[in-house]
Amino acid sequence: QVQVVESGGGLVQAGGSLRLSCAASGSIFSLSSMGWYRQAPGKQRELVAAITRGGSINYADSVKGRFTISRDNAKNMVYLQMNSLRPEDTAVYYCEQPGVWGQGTQVAGSS
Protein backbone atom coordinates (compact mmCIF):
# COMPACT_ATOMS: atom_id res chain seq x y z
CA GLN A 1 0.00 0.00 0.00
CA VAL A 2 1.40 3.37 -1.02
CA GLN A 3 1.66 6.00 1.70
CA VAL A 4 3.13 9.46 1.98
CA VAL A 5 4.11 11.19 5.23
CA GLU A 6 4.96 14.87 5.50
CA SER A 7 7.16 16.49 8.11
CA GLY A 8 9.02 19.72 8.78
CA GLY A 9 6.25 22.23 9.35
CA GLY A 10 6.27 24.82 12.10
CA LEU A 11 5.95 28.45 13.08
CA VAL A 12 8.35 30.85 11.43
CA GLN A 13 8.70 34.60 11.28
CA ALA A 14 8.23 36.46 8.04
CA GLY A 15 11.35 36.15 5.94
CA GLY A 16 12.33 32.87 7.52
CA SER A 17 12.82 29.45 5.99
CA LEU A 18 11.50 25.94 6.42
CA ARG A 19 12.20 22.69 4.69
CA LEU A 20 9.35 20.24 4.30
CA SER A 21 10.00 16.56 3.68
CA CYS A 22 7.76 13.91 2.22
CA ALA A 23 8.52 10.23 2.65
CA ALA A 24 6.75 8.01 0.14
CA SER A 25 6.49 4.26 0.25
CA GLY A 26 6.00 1.96 -2.68
CA SER A 27 8.10 0.79 -5.57
CA ILE A 28 6.52 3.18 -8.07
CA PHE A 29 7.93 6.34 -6.49
CA SER A 30 10.64 6.82 -9.09
CA LEU A 31 8.02 6.57 -11.84
CA SER A 32 5.66 9.09 -10.29
CA SER A 33 5.23 12.79 -10.48
CA MET A 34 5.06 14.28 -6.99
CA GLY A 35 3.39 17.45 -5.81
CA TRP A 36 3.19 19.77 -2.86
CA TYR A 37 -0.15 21.42 -2.22
CA ARG A 38 -1.42 23.72 0.48
CA GLN A 39 -4.75 24.63 1.97
CA ALA A 40 -5.28 27.77 3.98
CA PRO A 41 -8.31 28.17 6.27
CA GLY A 42 -11.43 28.85 4.25
CA LYS A 43 -9.66 28.34 0.93
CA GLN A 44 -9.40 25.57 -1.60
CA ARG A 45 -6.38 23.35 -1.78
CA GLU A 46 -3.92 24.68 -4.34
CA LEU A 47 -0.86 23.35 -6.09
CA VAL A 48 2.38 24.83 -4.79
CA ALA A 49 4.96 22.88 -6.77
CA ALA A 50 5.22 19.68 -8.74
CA ILE A 51 8.11 17.61 -10.05
CA THR A 52 7.93 14.88 -12.66
CA ARG A 53 9.90 11.66 -12.60
CA GLY A 54 12.27 13.26 -15.10
CA GLY A 55 12.79 16.34 -12.97
CA SER A 56 10.60 18.85 -14.79
CA ILE A 57 9.23 21.35 -12.30
CA ASN A 58 6.25 23.67 -12.05
CA TYR A 59 5.60 26.30 -9.41
CA ALA A 60 2.63 28.40 -8.46
CA ASP A 61 3.28 32.03 -9.38
CA SER A 62 2.97 33.03 -5.74
CA VAL A 63 6.01 30.96 -4.71
CA LYS A 64 8.30 31.29 -7.73
CA GLY A 65 11.75 32.43 -6.69
CA ARG A 66 11.11 31.57 -3.03
CA PHE A 67 10.30 27.85 -2.93
CA THR A 68 12.28 24.95 -4.39
CA ILE A 69 10.99 21.42 -4.90
CA SER A 70 13.39 18.51 -5.22
CA ARG A 71 13.32 14.74 -5.06
CA ASP A 72 15.64 11.92 -4.15
CA ASN A 73 14.48 8.78 -5.92
CA ALA A 74 16.98 6.59 -4.09
CA LYS A 75 15.38 7.55 -0.78
CA ASN A 76 11.77 7.91 -1.97
CA MET A 77 11.80 11.48 -0.68
CA VAL A 78 10.47 14.79 -1.93
CA TYR A 79 11.41 18.11 -0.38
CA LEU A 80 10.08 21.64 -0.42
CA GLN A 81 12.56 24.31 0.58
CA MET A 82 10.65 27.45 1.50
CA ASN A 83 12.53 30.72 1.81
CA SER A 84 11.38 34.29 2.39
CA LEU A 85 8.21 33.02 3.99
CA ARG A 86 5.24 35.37 4.21
CA PRO A 87 2.19 35.34 6.47
CA GLU A 88 0.10 34.39 3.42
CA ASP A 89 2.08 31.16 3.11
CA THR A 90 0.33 29.96 6.27
CA ALA A 91 -1.48 26.74 5.43
CA VAL A 92 -1.48 23.01 5.85
CA TYR A 93 0.95 21.61 3.31
CA TYR A 94 0.26 18.25 1.70
CA CYS A 95 2.39 15.92 -0.34
CA GLU A 96 0.74 13.99 -3.12
CA GLN A 97 1.76 10.97 -5.10
CA PRO A 98 -0.90 10.51 -7.77
CA GLY A 99 -4.02 9.49 -5.91
CA VAL A 100 -2.33 9.27 -2.52
CA TRP A 101 -2.25 12.10 0.04
CA GLY A 102 -0.46 12.53 3.30
CA GLN A 103 -1.96 13.90 6.49
CA GLY A 104 -0.40 17.31 5.99
CA THR A 105 1.99 19.46 7.99
CA GLN A 106 1.13 22.90 9.33
CA VAL A 107 3.17 25.91 8.30
CA ALA A 108 2.44 29.15 10.07
CA GLY A 109 4.12 32.40 9.17
CA SER A 110 4.00 35.32 11.53
CA SER A 111 4.42 38.96 10.63
C-alpha atoms as a PDB file:
ATOM      1  CA  GLN A   1       0.000   0.000   0.000  1.00  0.00           C
ATOM      2  CA  VAL A   2       1.405   3.367  -1.024  1.00  0.00           C
ATOM      3  CA  GLN A   3       1.655   5.999   1.701  1.00  0.00           C
ATOM      4  CA  VAL A   4       3.125   9.464   1.978  1.00  0.00           C
ATOM      5  CA  VAL A   5       4.107  11.187   5.225  1.00  0.00           C
ATOM      6  CA  GLU A   6       4.956  14.868   5.503  1.00  0.00           C
ATOM      7  CA  SER A   7       7.163  16.491   8.114  1.00  0.00           C
ATOM      8  CA  GLY A   8       9.017  19.719   8.781  1.00  0.00           C
ATOM      9  CA  GLY A   9       6.245  22.234   9.348  1.00  0.00           C
ATOM     10  CA  GLY A  10       6.269  24.819  12.100  1.00  0.00           C
ATOM     11  CA  LEU A  11       5.951  28.449  13.079  1.00  0.00           C
ATOM     12  CA  VAL A  12       8.354  30.846  11.429  1.00  0.00           C
ATOM     13  CA  GLN A  13       8.703  34.600  11.275  1.00  0.00           C
ATOM     14  CA  ALA A  14       8.233  36.462   8.039  1.00  0.00           C
ATOM     15  CA  GLY A  15      11.354  36.147   5.942  1.00  0.00           C
ATOM     16  CA  GLY A  16      12.330  32.875   7.523  1.00  0.00           C
ATOM     17  CA  SER A  17      12.818  29.451   5.987  1.00  0.00           C
ATOM     18  CA  LEU A  18      11.499  25.941   6.421  1.00  0.00           C
ATOM     19  CA  ARG A  19      12.200  22.687   4.687  1.00  0.00           C
ATOM     20  CA  LEU A  20       9.352  20.236   4.298  1.00  0.00           C
ATOM     21  CA  SER A  21      10.002  16.560   3.685  1.00  0.00           C
ATOM     22  CA  CYS A  22       7.763  13.908   2.219  1.00  0.00           C
ATOM     23  CA  ALA A  23       8.521  10.229   2.650  1.00  0.00           C
ATOM     24  CA  ALA A  24       6.751   8.009   0.144  1.00  0.00           C
ATOM     25  CA  SER A  25       6.489   4.260   0.248  1.00  0.00           C
ATOM     26  CA  GLY A  26       6.001   1.964  -2.684  1.00  0.00           C
ATOM     27  CA  SER A  27       8.097   0.794  -5.565  1.00  0.00           C
ATOM     28  CA  ILE A  28       6.522   3.181  -8.071  1.00  0.00           C
ATOM     29  CA  PHE A  29       7.931   6.338  -6.490  1.00  0.00           C
ATOM     30  CA  SER A  30      10.643   6.819  -9.091  1.00  0.00           C
ATOM     31  CA  LEU A  31       8.023   6.565 -11.836  1.00  0.00           C
ATOM     32  CA  SER A  32       5.665   9.085 -10.294  1.00  0.00           C
ATOM     33  CA  SER A  33       5.232  12.791 -10.477  1.00  0.00           C
ATOM     34  CA  MET A  34       5.062  14.279  -6.995  1.00  0.00           C
ATOM     35  CA  GLY A  35       3.385  17.448  -5.815  1.00  0.00           C
ATOM     36  CA  TRP A  36       3.195  19.767  -2.862  1.00  0.00           C
ATOM     37  CA  TYR A  37      -0.151  21.416  -2.224  1.00  0.00           C
ATOM     38  CA  ARG A  38      -1.416  23.720   0.478  1.00  0.00           C
ATOM     39  CA  GLN A  39      -4.754  24.627   1.966  1.00  0.00           C
ATOM     40  CA  ALA A  40      -5.282  27.766   3.979  1.00  0.00           C
ATOM     41  CA  PRO A  41      -8.309  28.173   6.268  1.00  0.00           C
ATOM     42  CA  GLY A  42     -11.431  28.847   4.248  1.00  0.00           C
ATOM     43  CA  LYS A  43      -9.663  28.337   0.934  1.00  0.00           C
ATOM     44  CA  GLN A  44      -9.403  25.575  -1.598  1.00  0.00           C
ATOM     45  CA  ARG A  45      -6.377  23.345  -1.781  1.00  0.00           C
ATOM     46  CA  GLU A  46      -3.919  24.676  -4.336  1.00  0.00           C
ATOM     47  CA  LEU A  47      -0.855  23.354  -6.094  1.00  0.00           C
ATOM     48  CA  VAL A  48       2.376  24.835  -4.791  1.00  0.00           C
ATOM     49  CA  ALA A  49       4.960  22.881  -6.768  1.00  0.00           C
ATOM     50  CA  ALA A  50       5.222  19.676  -8.738  1.00  0.00           C
ATOM     51  CA  ILE A  51       8.114  17.607 -10.053  1.00  0.00           C
ATOM     52  CA  THR A  52       7.928  14.882 -12.660  1.00  0.00           C
ATOM     53  CA  ARG A  53       9.900  11.663 -12.600  1.00  0.00           C
ATOM     54  CA  GLY A  54      12.266  13.256 -15.101  1.00  0.00           C
ATOM     55  CA  GLY A  55      12.791  16.336 -12.969  1.00  0.00           C
ATOM     56  CA  SER A  56      10.597  18.852 -14.788  1.00  0.00           C
ATOM     57  CA  ILE A  57       9.229  21.348 -12.304  1.00  0.00           C
ATOM     58  CA  ASN A  58       6.246  23.673 -12.053  1.00  0.00           C
ATOM     59  CA  TYR A  59       5.600  26.299  -9.406  1.00  0.00           C
ATOM     60  CA  ALA A  60       2.629  28.400  -8.465  1.00  0.00           C
ATOM     61  CA  ASP A  61       3.278  32.027  -9.383  1.00  0.00           C
ATOM     62  CA  SER A  62       2.975  33.026  -5.739  1.00  0.00           C
ATOM     63  CA  VAL A  63       6.012  30.960  -4.715  1.00  0.00           C
ATOM     64  CA  LYS A  64       8.301  31.290  -7.729  1.00  0.00           C
ATOM     65  CA  GLY A  65      11.749  32.425  -6.694  1.00  0.00           C
ATOM     66  CA  ARG A  66      11.108  31.565  -3.033  1.00  0.00           C
ATOM     67  CA  PHE A  67      10.303  27.851  -2.933  1.00  0.00           C
ATOM     68  CA  THR A  68      12.283  24.951  -4.391  1.00  0.00           C
ATOM     69  CA  ILE A  69      10.992  21.424  -4.898  1.00  0.00           C
ATOM     70  CA  SER A  70      13.394  18.514  -5.220  1.00  0.00           C
ATOM     71  CA  ARG A  71      13.325  14.745  -5.056  1.00  0.00           C
ATOM     72  CA  ASP A  72      15.645  11.918  -4.147  1.00  0.00           C
ATOM     73  CA  ASN A  73      14.480   8.780  -5.916  1.00  0.00           C
ATOM     74  CA  ALA A  74      16.979   6.593  -4.090  1.00  0.00           C
ATOM     75  CA  LYS A  75      15.381   7.553  -0.779  1.00  0.00           C
ATOM     76  CA  ASN A  76      11.771   7.908  -1.973  1.00  0.00           C
ATOM     77  CA  MET A  77      11.804  11.479  -0.682  1.00  0.00           C
ATOM     78  CA  VAL A  78      10.468  14.794  -1.930  1.00  0.00           C
ATOM     79  CA  TYR A  79      11.414  18.109  -0.379  1.00  0.00           C
ATOM     80  CA  LEU A  80      10.080  21.635  -0.422  1.00  0.00           C
ATOM     81  CA  GLN A  81      12.563  24.314   0.579  1.00  0.00           C
ATOM     82  CA  MET A  82      10.654  27.445   1.502  1.00  0.00           C
ATOM     83  CA  ASN A  83      12.532  30.722   1.812  1.00  0.00           C
ATOM     84  CA  SER A  84      11.377  34.290   2.386  1.00  0.00           C
ATOM     85  CA  LEU A  85       8.207  33.024   3.992  1.00  0.00           C
ATOM     86  CA  ARG A  86       5.236  35.372   4.212  1.00  0.00           C
ATOM     87  CA  PRO A  87       2.191  35.338   6.466  1.00  0.00           C
ATOM     88  CA  GLU A  88       0.099  34.391   3.425  1.00  0.00           C
ATOM     89  CA  ASP A  89       2.078  31.159   3.114  1.00  0.00           C
ATOM     90  CA  THR A  90       0.330  29.958   6.270  1.00  0.00           C
ATOM     91  CA  ALA A  91      -1.484  26.737   5.428  1.00  0.00           C
ATOM     92  CA  VAL A  92      -1.477  23.010   5.846  1.00  0.00           C
ATOM     93  CA  TYR A  93       0.947  21.611   3.306  1.00  0.00           C
ATOM     94  CA  TYR A  94       0.260  18.254   1.698  1.00  0.00           C
ATOM     95  CA  CYS A  95       2.389  15.918  -0.340  1.00  0.00           C
ATOM     96  CA  GLU A  96       0.737  13.988  -3.115  1.00  0.00           C
ATOM     97  CA  GLN A  97       1.760  10.970  -5.099  1.00  0.00           C
ATOM     98  CA  PRO A  98      -0.898  10.506  -7.767  1.00  0.00           C
ATOM     99  CA  GLY A  99      -4.023   9.493  -5.913  1.00  0.00           C
ATOM    100  CA  VAL A 100      -2.327   9.272  -2.518  1.00  0.00           C
ATOM    101  CA  TRP A 101      -2.253  12.095   0.043  1.00  0.00           C
ATOM    102  CA  GLY A 102      -0.457  12.525   3.301  1.00  0.00           C
ATOM    103  CA  GLN A 103      -1.957  13.898   6.486  1.00  0.00           C
ATOM    104  CA  GLY A 104      -0.403  17.310   5.990  1.00  0.00           C
ATOM    105  CA  THR A 105       1.989  19.464   7.992  1.00  0.00           C
ATOM    106  CA  GLN A 106       1.130  22.904   9.333  1.00  0.00           C
ATOM    107  CA  VAL A 107       3.172  25.913   8.298  1.00  0.00           C
ATOM    108  CA  ALA A 108       2.437  29.149  10.073  1.00  0.00           C
ATOM    109  CA  GLY A 109       4.121  32.395   9.166  1.00  0.00           C
ATOM    110  CA  SER A 110       4.003  35.321  11.528  1.00  0.00           C
ATOM    111  CA  SER A 111       4.416  38.963  10.632  1.00  0.00           C
END
